[in-house]
C-alpha atoms as a PDB file:
ATOM      1  CA  MET A   1       0.000   0.000   0.000  1.00  0.00           C
ATOM      2  CA  VAL A   2       1.321   3.461  -0.954  1.00  0.00           C
ATOM      3  CA  ASP A   3       1.235   6.211   1.640  1.00  0.00           C
ATOM      4  CA  PRO A   4      -1.198   8.941   0.420  1.00  0.00           C
ATOM      5  CA  GLY A   5       1.080  11.608   1.879  1.00  0.00           C
ATOM      6  CA  LEU A   6       3.867  10.336  -0.337  1.00  0.00           C
ATOM      7  CA  ASN A   7       1.731  10.826  -3.431  1.00  0.00           C
ATOM      8  CA  ALA A   8       0.973  14.391  -2.367  1.00  0.00           C
ATOM      9  CA  GLY A   9       4.704  15.001  -1.928  1.00  0.00           C
ATOM     10  CA  VAL A  10       5.476  13.567  -5.349  1.00  0.00           C
ATOM     11  CA  GLY A  11       2.784  15.754  -6.893  1.00  0.00           C
ATOM     12  CA  TYR A  12       4.255  18.805  -5.211  1.00  0.00           C
ATOM     13  CA  LEU A  13       7.750  17.925  -6.438  1.00  0.00           C
ATOM     14  CA  GLU A  14       6.535  17.366  -9.998  1.00  0.00           C
ATOM     15  CA  ALA A  15       4.713  20.716  -9.933  1.00  0.00           C
ATOM     16  CA  ARG A  16       7.805  22.420  -8.523  1.00  0.00           C
ATOM     17  CA  ILE A  17      10.018  20.873 -11.205  1.00  0.00           C
ATOM     18  CA  ASP A  18       7.611  22.108 -13.896  1.00  0.00           C
ATOM     19  CA  GLU A  19       7.641  25.576 -12.340  1.00  0.00           C
ATOM     20  CA  LEU A  20      11.444  25.683 -12.194  1.00  0.00           C
ATOM     21  CA  ARG A  21      11.727  24.381 -15.751  1.00  0.00           C
ATOM     22  CA  ALA A  22       9.423  27.158 -16.982  1.00  0.00           C
ATOM     23  CA  ALA A  23      11.492  29.736 -15.074  1.00  0.00           C
ATOM     24  CA  LEU A  24      14.698  28.356 -16.609  1.00  0.00           C
ATOM     25  CA  GLU A  25      13.162  28.530 -20.098  1.00  0.00           C
ATOM     26  CA  GLN A  26      12.261  32.200 -19.525  1.00  0.00           C
ATOM     27  CA  SER A  27      15.732  32.960 -18.178  1.00  0.00           C
ATOM     28  CA  VAL A  28      17.383  31.364 -21.206  1.00  0.00           C
ATOM     29  CA  LYS A  29      15.095  33.342 -23.542  1.00  0.00           C
ATOM     30  CA  LEU A  30      16.181  36.565 -21.843  1.00  0.00           C
ATOM     31  CA  GLN A  31      19.848  35.560 -21.972  1.00  0.00           C
ATOM     32  CA  ALA A  32      19.521  34.777 -25.676  1.00  0.00           C
ATOM     33  CA  HIS A  33      17.816  38.099 -26.364  1.00  0.00           C
ATOM     34  CA  TYR A  34      20.448  40.146 -24.528  1.00  0.00           C
ATOM     35  CA  ALA A  35      23.335  38.114 -25.957  1.00  0.00           C
ATOM     36  CA  ALA A  36      22.029  38.758 -29.469  1.00  0.00           C
ATOM     37  CA  LEU A  37      21.600  42.493 -28.756  1.00  0.00           C
ATOM     38  CA  LEU A  38      25.093  42.806 -27.316  1.00  0.00           C
ATOM     39  CA  ASN A  39      26.614  40.809 -30.177  1.00  0.00           C
ATOM     40  CA  GLU A  40      24.908  43.171 -32.600  1.00  0.00           C
ATOM     41  CA  TYR A  41      26.116  46.205 -30.655  1.00  0.00           C
ATOM     42  CA  ASP A  42      29.751  45.264 -30.170  1.00  0.00           C
ATOM     43  CA  GLY A  43      30.321  42.419 -32.624  1.00  0.00           C
ATOM     44  CA  GLY A  44      30.947  40.004 -29.759  1.00  0.00           C
ATOM     45  CA  GLY A  45      30.724  36.258 -29.966  1.00  0.00           C
ATOM     46  CA  ARG A  46      28.359  35.523 -27.096  1.00  0.00           C
ATOM     47  CA  MET A  47      26.526  32.226 -27.277  1.00  0.00           C
ATOM     48  CA  VAL A  48      22.815  32.451 -28.005  1.00  0.00           C
ATOM     49  CA  PHE A  49      21.019  29.385 -26.662  1.00  0.00           C
ATOM     50  CA  ARG A  50      17.929  27.991 -28.416  1.00  0.00           C
ATOM     51  CA  ASP A  51      16.327  26.761 -25.220  1.00  0.00           C
ATOM     52  CA  ALA A  52      17.026  25.457 -21.721  1.00  0.00           C
ATOM     53  CA  GLU A  53      18.099  22.051 -23.020  1.00  0.00           C
ATOM     54  CA  HIS A  54      20.729  23.688 -25.237  1.00  0.00           C
ATOM     55  CA  TRP A  55      21.981  25.648 -22.204  1.00  0.00           C
ATOM     56  CA  LEU A  56      22.085  22.510 -20.037  1.00  0.00           C
ATOM     57  CA  ALA A  57      23.979  20.643 -22.757  1.00  0.00           C
ATOM     58  CA  ARG A  58      26.567  23.436 -22.771  1.00  0.00           C
ATOM     59  CA  LEU A  59      26.923  23.164 -18.982  1.00  0.00           C
ATOM     60  CA  ARG A  60      27.511  19.411 -19.283  1.00  0.00           C
ATOM     61  CA  GLU A  61      30.085  20.044 -22.019  1.00  0.00           C
ATOM     62  CA  LEU A  62      31.936  22.581 -19.859  1.00  0.00           C
ATOM     63  CA  ASP A  63      31.855  20.217 -16.871  1.00  0.00           C
ATOM     64  CA  GLU A  64      33.295  17.389 -18.962  1.00  0.00           C
ATOM     65  CA  HIS A  65      36.010  19.685 -20.291  1.00  0.00           C
ATOM     66  CA  ALA A  66      36.896  20.848 -16.760  1.00  0.00           C
ATOM     67  CA  ARG A  67      37.101  17.258 -15.535  1.00  0.00           C
ATOM     68  CA  LYS A  68      39.510  16.353 -18.350  1.00  0.00           C
ATOM     69  CA  LYS A  69      41.746  19.316 -17.507  1.00  0.00           C
ATOM     70  CA  GLN A  70      41.759  18.509 -13.789  1.00  0.00           C
ATOM     71  CA  PRO A  71      45.023  16.802 -12.757  1.00  0.00           C
ATOM     72  CA  ASP A  72      44.770  13.206 -11.548  1.00  0.00           C
ATOM     73  CA  THR A  73      45.963  14.271  -8.093  1.00  0.00           C
ATOM     74  CA  GLU A  74      42.938  16.542  -7.646  1.00  0.00           C
ATOM     75  CA  ARG A  75      40.486  13.921  -8.931  1.00  0.00           C
ATOM     76  CA  ASN A  76      41.882  11.337  -6.500  1.00  0.00           C
ATOM     77  CA  SER A  77      42.332  13.652  -3.520  1.00  0.00           C
ATOM     78  CA  ALA A  78      39.558  11.839  -1.625  1.00  0.00           C
ATOM     79  CA  SER A  79      41.490   8.566  -1.741  1.00  0.00           C
ATOM     80  CA  PRO A  80      44.155   8.057   0.932  1.00  0.00           C
ATOM     81  CA  SER A  81      47.775   8.130  -0.193  1.00  0.00           C
ATOM     82  CA  THR A  82      50.047   5.202   0.559  1.00  0.00           C
END
């Protein structure tokens, strides 16, 4: 038997995720608008993201790049040295 309170909590979390996703989409739209305006103004090369998924993909790409550049000693700092 599933606890009814649990279902209410899951519903709240799903609604909250939807709300945050919508806020992220709006934020990315604004970023894209201002990046395009500034690029037009100063000829810059700012990235203009299509949507939140495009922005998240870029974050994952940057994270992967940072992990590759991180020295092995920093990646393994949690393991005890012998």
